Amino acid sequence: MVSFFKSENGKVQKIDALEPGCWVDVLEPTAEERLWLSQQLLIVPEFVQAAFDDEETAHIDMDEDTGQVLVIVDCPFIEDESEMADSSIVQYDTHPLSFVFVPEQEYFVTLSLRRNETIADFAHSRYRNVYTDRRTRFLLQMLLRITQRYLVCLRSINRQIREYERTLRKSMRNDELMKMLGLEKSLVYFSTSLQGLESTASRIGTGRMLDIYEDDRELLDDVMIEIRQAVEMCSIYTSILNGITDTFSSVISNNLNFTMRTLTIITLVMAIPTIVFSFYGMNVEGLPLIAWWWLPVLVAAVFCVIAILILRSGRIVK
């Protein structure tokens, strides 16, 4: 699907046709629309192929012949239930969003294989002071909103970590442990994507591929500050989650050791009457104290009590 937008008085509005200085948003394109990008917008075929590669990492590239610039960053999203092995586990992932600068026609093009919340917010005019003809500033505004979405997702992950920790303190269940594993994977995805985003934003700031005006420097600084904050938060939450996971793993291991120790003690104590009763259960004559049957029972009970007292005095059981 191809949509066209253009700003008027700082407000983005949808238009019907392609115009110079407009914003072209391409979402889940068909084969014909991909061909249209190459033939009508004259976008380099290699850029089109890279933009719709779901495994493409964040980077910035420039075609020396045409002067076109491709910027790819990863955006956070919550996985759909159809994509998850367990729908009860909330897991985050990232997907690439591409920006192409076409200098000949002054187009700003966004390309994505998945619906993007940041693109939707700009398309529905949820932000003010947006000018599609100021392409570098428009890009920085989008990068700022993408980074802020990372922060929102990271705060949500932190709340879920605290909730799962409280649940695990009450009862050790596999569901919460699997949910913690899903959050750990999400933080790994975020950490990798944020590092690529930080590197890409730094290269944009050099001004070698895109023109950075003095008015955009402050916005670029805001983007870098938000990215560094997101990177730091991701690192902190990863350390916290790893610490919680290691702690509860140790608790589970200790509980298992205590259970096995208790069962071993019970087995040892029960072995004493088993030995005595097995001795008198033999089908032979001349066994001692046959008439006084209660005496072996009393002896076995006394030995059990003595064994329990010895084990408790040795602090083998709690």
Protein backbone atom coordinates (compact mmCIF):
# COMPACT_ATOMS: atom_id res chain seq x y z
CA MET A 1 0.00 0.00 0.00
CA VAL A 2 1.35 3.40 -1.01
CA SER A 3 0.20 6.63 0.68
CA PHE A 4 1.18 10.25 0.08
CA PHE A 5 1.42 12.98 2.72
CA LYS A 6 2.44 16.60 2.77
CA SER A 7 2.66 19.12 5.58
CA GLU A 8 0.73 22.35 5.70
CA ASN A 9 1.42 24.83 8.51
CA GLY A 10 3.31 22.15 10.40
CA LYS A 11 0.48 19.61 10.17
CA VAL A 12 0.73 16.47 8.04
CA GLN A 13 -2.13 15.92 5.64
CA LYS A 14 -2.85 13.10 3.22
CA ILE A 15 -2.77 13.94 -0.49
CA ASP A 16 -3.92 12.02 -3.55
CA ALA A 17 -0.89 12.15 -5.80
CA LEU A 18 2.87 12.44 -5.79
CA GLU A 19 4.20 15.98 -5.30
CA PRO A 20 7.70 17.40 -4.81
CA GLY A 21 8.60 17.65 -1.15
CA CYS A 22 5.99 15.12 -0.10
CA TRP A 23 6.31 12.08 2.11
CA VAL A 24 5.70 8.68 0.50
CA ASP A 25 4.79 5.87 2.88
CA VAL A 26 5.01 2.32 1.50
CA LEU A 27 3.58 -0.48 3.64
CA GLU A 28 3.62 -4.18 2.71
CA PRO A 29 4.08 -3.46 -1.01
CA THR A 30 3.03 -5.79 -3.78
CA ALA A 31 5.32 -6.77 -6.64
CA GLU A 32 3.82 -4.00 -8.79
CA GLU A 33 4.38 -1.41 -6.07
CA ARG A 34 8.01 -2.47 -5.65
CA LEU A 35 8.47 -2.07 -9.39
CA TRP A 36 6.81 1.35 -9.14
CA LEU A 37 9.39 2.40 -6.55
CA SER A 38 12.21 1.63 -8.96
CA GLN A 39 10.62 3.00 -12.12
CA GLN A 40 8.59 5.96 -10.88
CA LEU A 41 10.60 7.17 -7.88
CA LEU A 42 13.89 5.95 -9.42
CA ILE A 43 15.00 4.38 -6.13
CA VAL A 44 18.09 2.22 -6.50
CA PRO A 45 17.00 -1.46 -6.77
CA GLU A 46 19.55 -2.46 -4.14
CA PHE A 47 17.93 -0.01 -1.71
CA VAL A 48 14.48 -1.45 -2.42
CA GLN A 49 15.73 -4.96 -1.79
CA ALA A 50 17.51 -4.01 1.43
CA ALA A 51 14.54 -2.00 2.71
CA PHE A 52 12.22 -5.01 2.54
CA ASP A 53 14.68 -7.48 4.04
CA ASP A 54 13.25 -8.40 7.44
CA GLU A 55 16.70 -9.41 8.71
CA GLU A 56 18.45 -6.18 7.68
CA THR A 57 20.35 -4.47 10.50
CA ALA A 58 20.39 -0.75 11.27
CA HIS A 59 22.76 1.27 9.09
CA ILE A 60 23.02 4.22 6.71
CA ASP A 61 24.17 3.91 3.11
CA MET A 62 24.61 6.25 0.17
CA ASP A 63 24.61 5.55 -3.56
CA GLU A 64 27.43 7.55 -5.12
CA ASP A 65 25.88 7.65 -8.60
CA THR A 66 22.43 8.97 -7.71
CA GLY A 67 23.12 10.61 -4.34
CA GLN A 68 20.26 8.66 -2.76
CA VAL A 69 20.59 7.87 0.93
CA LEU A 70 19.13 4.82 2.68
CA VAL A 71 18.65 4.80 6.45
CA ILE A 72 17.48 1.63 8.18
CA VAL A 73 16.59 1.45 11.88
CA ASP A 74 14.83 -1.14 14.03
CA CYS A 75 11.52 -0.31 15.70
CA PRO A 76 10.08 -2.07 18.77
CA PHE A 77 6.75 -3.89 18.73
CA ILE A 78 4.83 -6.51 20.69
CA GLU A 79 4.69 -9.85 18.94
CA ASP A 80 1.28 -10.98 17.74
CA GLU A 81 -0.29 -14.04 19.36
CA SER A 82 -0.08 -15.86 16.04
CA GLU A 83 3.71 -15.43 16.03
CA MET A 84 4.30 -16.61 19.59
CA ALA A 85 4.68 -20.22 20.69
CA ASP A 86 2.75 -19.38 23.88
CA SER A 87 0.15 -16.62 23.72
CA SER A 88 0.33 -16.07 27.50
CA ILE A 89 3.95 -14.90 27.25
CA VAL A 90 4.33 -11.23 26.29
CA GLN A 91 7.41 -10.82 24.16
CA TYR A 92 8.83 -7.84 22.31
CA ASP A 93 10.74 -7.83 19.06
CA THR A 94 12.04 -5.34 16.52
CA HIS A 95 11.46 -4.90 12.81
CA PRO A 96 13.29 -2.70 10.30
CA LEU A 97 11.95 0.63 9.10
CA SER A 98 13.68 2.21 6.12
CA PHE A 99 13.99 5.85 5.02
CA VAL A 100 15.06 6.80 1.50
CA PHE A 101 16.08 10.30 0.40
CA VAL A 102 15.52 10.92 -3.34
CA PRO A 103 17.35 14.19 -4.09
CA GLU A 104 16.13 14.58 -7.68
CA GLN A 105 12.45 14.87 -6.75
CA GLU A 106 12.92 15.89 -3.09
CA TYR A 107 10.92 12.88 -1.94
CA PHE A 108 11.07 11.42 1.53
CA VAL A 109 10.13 7.75 1.44
CA THR A 110 9.45 5.34 4.30
CA LEU A 111 9.39 1.61 3.59
CA SER A 112 8.18 -1.13 5.93
CA LEU A 113 6.87 -4.68 5.82
CA ARG A 114 4.84 -4.22 8.99
CA ARG A 115 2.50 -1.58 10.34
CA ASN A 116 4.52 0.86 12.41
CA GLU A 117 3.02 2.83 15.29
CA THR A 118 5.41 5.75 14.81
CA ILE A 119 4.53 6.09 11.12
CA ALA A 120 0.83 5.87 12.00
CA ASP A 121 1.15 8.67 14.56
CA PHE A 122 2.78 10.99 12.02
CA ALA A 123 0.28 10.04 9.32
CA HIS A 124 -2.65 10.87 11.62
CA SER A 125 -1.16 14.27 12.53
CA ARG A 126 -0.58 13.45 16.20
CA TYR A 127 2.56 15.61 16.17
CA ARG A 128 2.87 19.31 15.39
CA ASN A 129 5.62 21.33 13.69
CA VAL A 130 6.28 18.60 11.15
CA TYR A 131 7.44 19.64 7.69
CA THR A 132 7.84 16.94 5.08
CA ASP A 133 9.97 19.16 2.85
CA ARG A 134 12.58 19.47 5.61
CA ARG A 135 13.60 15.90 5.18
CA THR A 136 16.55 15.65 7.55
CA ARG A 137 14.57 17.27 10.36
CA PHE A 138 11.62 15.01 9.56
CA LEU A 139 13.91 11.98 9.84
CA LEU A 140 15.27 13.15 13.20
CA GLN A 141 11.74 13.70 14.50
CA MET A 142 10.86 10.13 13.56
CA LEU A 143 14.03 8.77 15.16
CA LEU A 144 13.16 10.66 18.35
CA ARG A 145 9.67 9.14 18.45
CA ILE A 146 11.07 5.66 17.75
CA THR A 147 13.52 6.02 20.63
CA GLN A 148 10.77 7.23 22.94
CA ARG A 149 8.74 4.15 22.01
CA TYR A 150 11.72 2.04 23.09
CA LEU A 151 11.59 3.80 26.46
CA VAL A 152 7.87 3.07 26.80
CA CYS A 153 8.45 -0.63 26.04
CA LEU A 154 11.37 -0.80 28.46
CA ARG A 155 9.28 0.69 31.27
CA SER A 156 6.58 -1.86 30.51
CA ILE A 157 9.16 -4.65 30.70
CA ASN A 158 10.35 -3.32 34.07
CA ARG A 159 6.78 -3.39 35.44
CA GLN A 160 6.33 -6.96 34.23
CA ILE A 161 9.62 -8.01 35.84
CA ARG A 162 8.45 -6.68 39.21
CA GLU A 163 5.07 -8.37 38.83
CA TYR A 164 6.58 -11.75 37.95
CA GLU A 165 9.05 -11.42 40.83
CA ARG A 166 6.21 -10.91 43.32
CA THR A 167 4.42 -13.94 41.92
CA LEU A 168 7.55 -16.10 42.12
CA ARG A 169 8.06 -15.14 45.78
CA LYS A 170 4.67 -16.67 46.56
CA SER A 171 4.89 -19.81 44.43
CA MET A 172 7.48 -21.25 42.07
CA ARG A 173 5.66 -21.88 38.80
CA ASN A 174 7.02 -22.63 35.39
CA ASP A 175 4.72 -20.07 33.71
CA GLU A 176 6.40 -17.10 35.38
CA LEU A 177 9.86 -18.48 34.64
CA MET A 178 8.98 -18.84 30.95
CA LYS A 179 7.62 -15.28 30.94
CA MET A 180 10.89 -14.06 32.42
CA LEU A 181 12.71 -15.88 29.63
CA GLY A 182 10.55 -14.06 27.07
CA LEU A 183 11.42 -10.70 28.62
CA GLU A 184 15.11 -11.63 28.64
CA LYS A 185 14.95 -12.36 24.91
CA SER A 186 13.15 -9.04 24.35
CA LEU A 187 15.91 -7.15 26.14
CA VAL A 188 18.53 -8.86 23.98
CA TYR A 189 16.69 -7.76 20.83
CA PHE A 190 16.35 -4.22 22.18
CA SER A 191 20.01 -4.01 23.18
CA THR A 192 21.20 -5.04 19.71
CA SER A 193 18.78 -2.70 17.93
CA LEU A 194 19.60 0.28 20.15
CA GLN A 195 23.31 -0.14 19.50
CA GLY A 196 22.63 -0.05 15.76
CA LEU A 197 20.34 2.97 16.19
CA GLU A 198 23.00 4.82 18.17
CA SER A 199 25.64 4.10 15.53
CA THR A 200 23.31 5.22 12.72
CA ALA A 201 22.37 8.46 14.51
CA SER A 202 26.04 9.21 15.11
CA ARG A 203 26.81 8.81 11.40
CA ILE A 204 23.89 11.08 10.52
CA GLY A 205 25.36 13.68 12.86
CA THR A 206 28.61 13.81 10.91
CA GLY A 207 26.76 15.48 8.02
CA ARG A 208 28.68 13.57 5.35
CA MET A 209 25.62 11.83 3.91
CA LEU A 210 22.79 14.13 4.99
CA ASP A 211 22.85 17.88 5.38
CA ILE A 212 22.53 18.81 9.06
CA TYR A 213 21.62 22.44 9.65
CA GLU A 214 22.25 24.32 12.87
CA ASP A 215 18.54 24.27 13.69
CA ASP A 216 18.65 20.47 13.57
CA ARG A 217 21.62 20.09 15.91
CA GLU A 218 19.51 20.52 19.03
CA LEU A 219 17.03 17.91 17.78
CA LEU A 220 19.91 15.55 16.98
CA ASP A 221 21.26 16.04 20.51
CA ASP A 222 17.83 15.14 21.90
CA VAL A 223 17.83 11.96 19.81
CA MET A 224 21.28 10.95 21.05
CA ILE A 225 20.32 11.65 24.68
CA GLU A 226 17.17 9.52 24.38
CA ILE A 227 19.10 6.70 22.70
CA ARG A 228 21.77 6.67 25.44
CA GLN A 229 19.06 6.66 28.08
CA ALA A 230 17.35 3.71 26.37
CA VAL A 231 20.67 1.84 26.10
CA GLU A 232 21.37 2.40 29.80
CA MET A 233 17.86 1.33 30.83
CA CYS A 234 18.14 -1.80 28.70
CA SER A 235 21.47 -2.66 30.32
CA ILE A 236 20.11 -2.10 33.85
CA TYR A 237 16.95 -4.15 33.28
CA THR A 238 19.00 -6.96 31.73
CA SER A 239 21.25 -7.07 34.80
CA ILE A 240 18.24 -7.02 37.14
CA LEU A 241 16.48 -9.79 35.21
CA ASN A 242 19.63 -11.94 35.15
CA GLY A 243 20.06 -11.45 38.89
CA ILE A 244 16.44 -12.42 39.59
CA THR A 245 16.69 -15.47 37.35
CA ASP A 246 19.93 -16.64 38.99
CA THR A 247 18.50 -16.10 42.48
CA PHE A 248 15.34 -18.09 41.85
CA SER A 249 17.36 -20.81 40.13
CA SER A 250 19.42 -21.11 43.30
CA VAL A 251 16.25 -21.17 45.41
CA ILE A 252 14.77 -23.95 43.28
CA SER A 253 18.01 -25.91 43.52
CA ASN A 254 18.12 -25.50 47.31
CA ASN A 255 14.50 -26.60 47.65
CA LEU A 256 15.23 -29.68 45.57
CA ASN A 257 18.28 -30.52 47.70
CA PHE A 258 16.24 -30.16 50.89
CA THR A 259 13.49 -32.37 49.51
CA MET A 260 15.94 -35.09 48.48
CA ARG A 261 17.68 -34.89 51.86
CA THR A 262 14.38 -35.26 53.72
CA LEU A 263 13.38 -38.27 51.62
CA THR A 264 16.78 -39.87 52.27
CA ILE A 265 16.38 -39.41 56.04
CA ILE A 266 12.90 -40.92 55.95
CA THR A 267 14.28 -43.89 54.02
CA LEU A 268 17.06 -44.43 56.60
CA VAL A 269 14.68 -44.22 59.56
CA MET A 270 12.16 -46.60 57.99
CA ALA A 271 14.93 -49.08 57.25
CA ILE A 272 15.32 -49.85 61.00
CA PRO A 273 11.84 -51.38 61.59
CA THR A 274 12.05 -53.02 58.18
CA ILE A 275 15.21 -54.88 59.24
CA VAL A 276 13.65 -55.97 62.55
CA PHE A 277 10.35 -57.11 61.07
CA SER A 278 12.10 -58.85 58.19
CA PHE A 279 14.17 -60.83 60.70
CA TYR A 280 11.06 -62.07 62.52
CA GLY A 281 9.24 -62.65 59.27
CA MET A 282 11.53 -65.52 58.29
CA ASN A 283 9.89 -68.95 58.21
CA VAL A 284 12.35 -70.69 60.62
CA GLU A 285 12.19 -72.06 64.12
CA GLY A 286 14.06 -70.94 67.20
CA LEU A 287 13.84 -67.18 66.73
CA PRO A 288 14.33 -65.37 70.07
CA LEU A 289 11.55 -63.50 71.86
CA ILE A 290 8.78 -65.04 69.78
CA ALA A 291 6.43 -65.13 72.75
CA TRP A 292 7.14 -61.54 73.57
CA TRP A 293 6.19 -60.14 70.14
CA TRP A 294 5.77 -56.64 71.49
CA LEU A 295 9.43 -56.43 72.53
CA PRO A 296 10.86 -56.33 68.94
CA VAL A 297 8.28 -53.71 68.08
CA LEU A 298 9.36 -51.66 71.08
CA VAL A 299 13.04 -52.09 70.18
CA ALA A 300 12.39 -50.95 66.57
CA ALA A 301 10.46 -47.89 67.81
CA VAL A 302 13.24 -47.00 70.26
CA PHE A 303 15.87 -47.26 67.53
CA CYS A 304 13.75 -45.03 65.23
CA VAL A 305 13.47 -42.38 67.95
CA ILE A 306 17.19 -42.52 68.63
CA ALA A 307 17.99 -42.20 64.89
CA ILE A 308 15.69 -39.20 64.57
CA LEU A 309 17.28 -37.51 67.61
CA ILE A 310 20.78 -38.12 66.28
CA LEU A 311 19.88 -36.73 62.86
CA ARG A 312 18.22 -33.67 64.36
CA SER A 313 21.12 -32.99 66.71
CA GLY A 314 23.43 -33.15 63.70
CA ARG A 315 21.25 -30.51 61.97
CA ILE A 316 20.62 -32.76 59.04
CA VAL A 317 16.96 -31.80 59.08
CA LYS A 318 15.43 -28.48 59.97
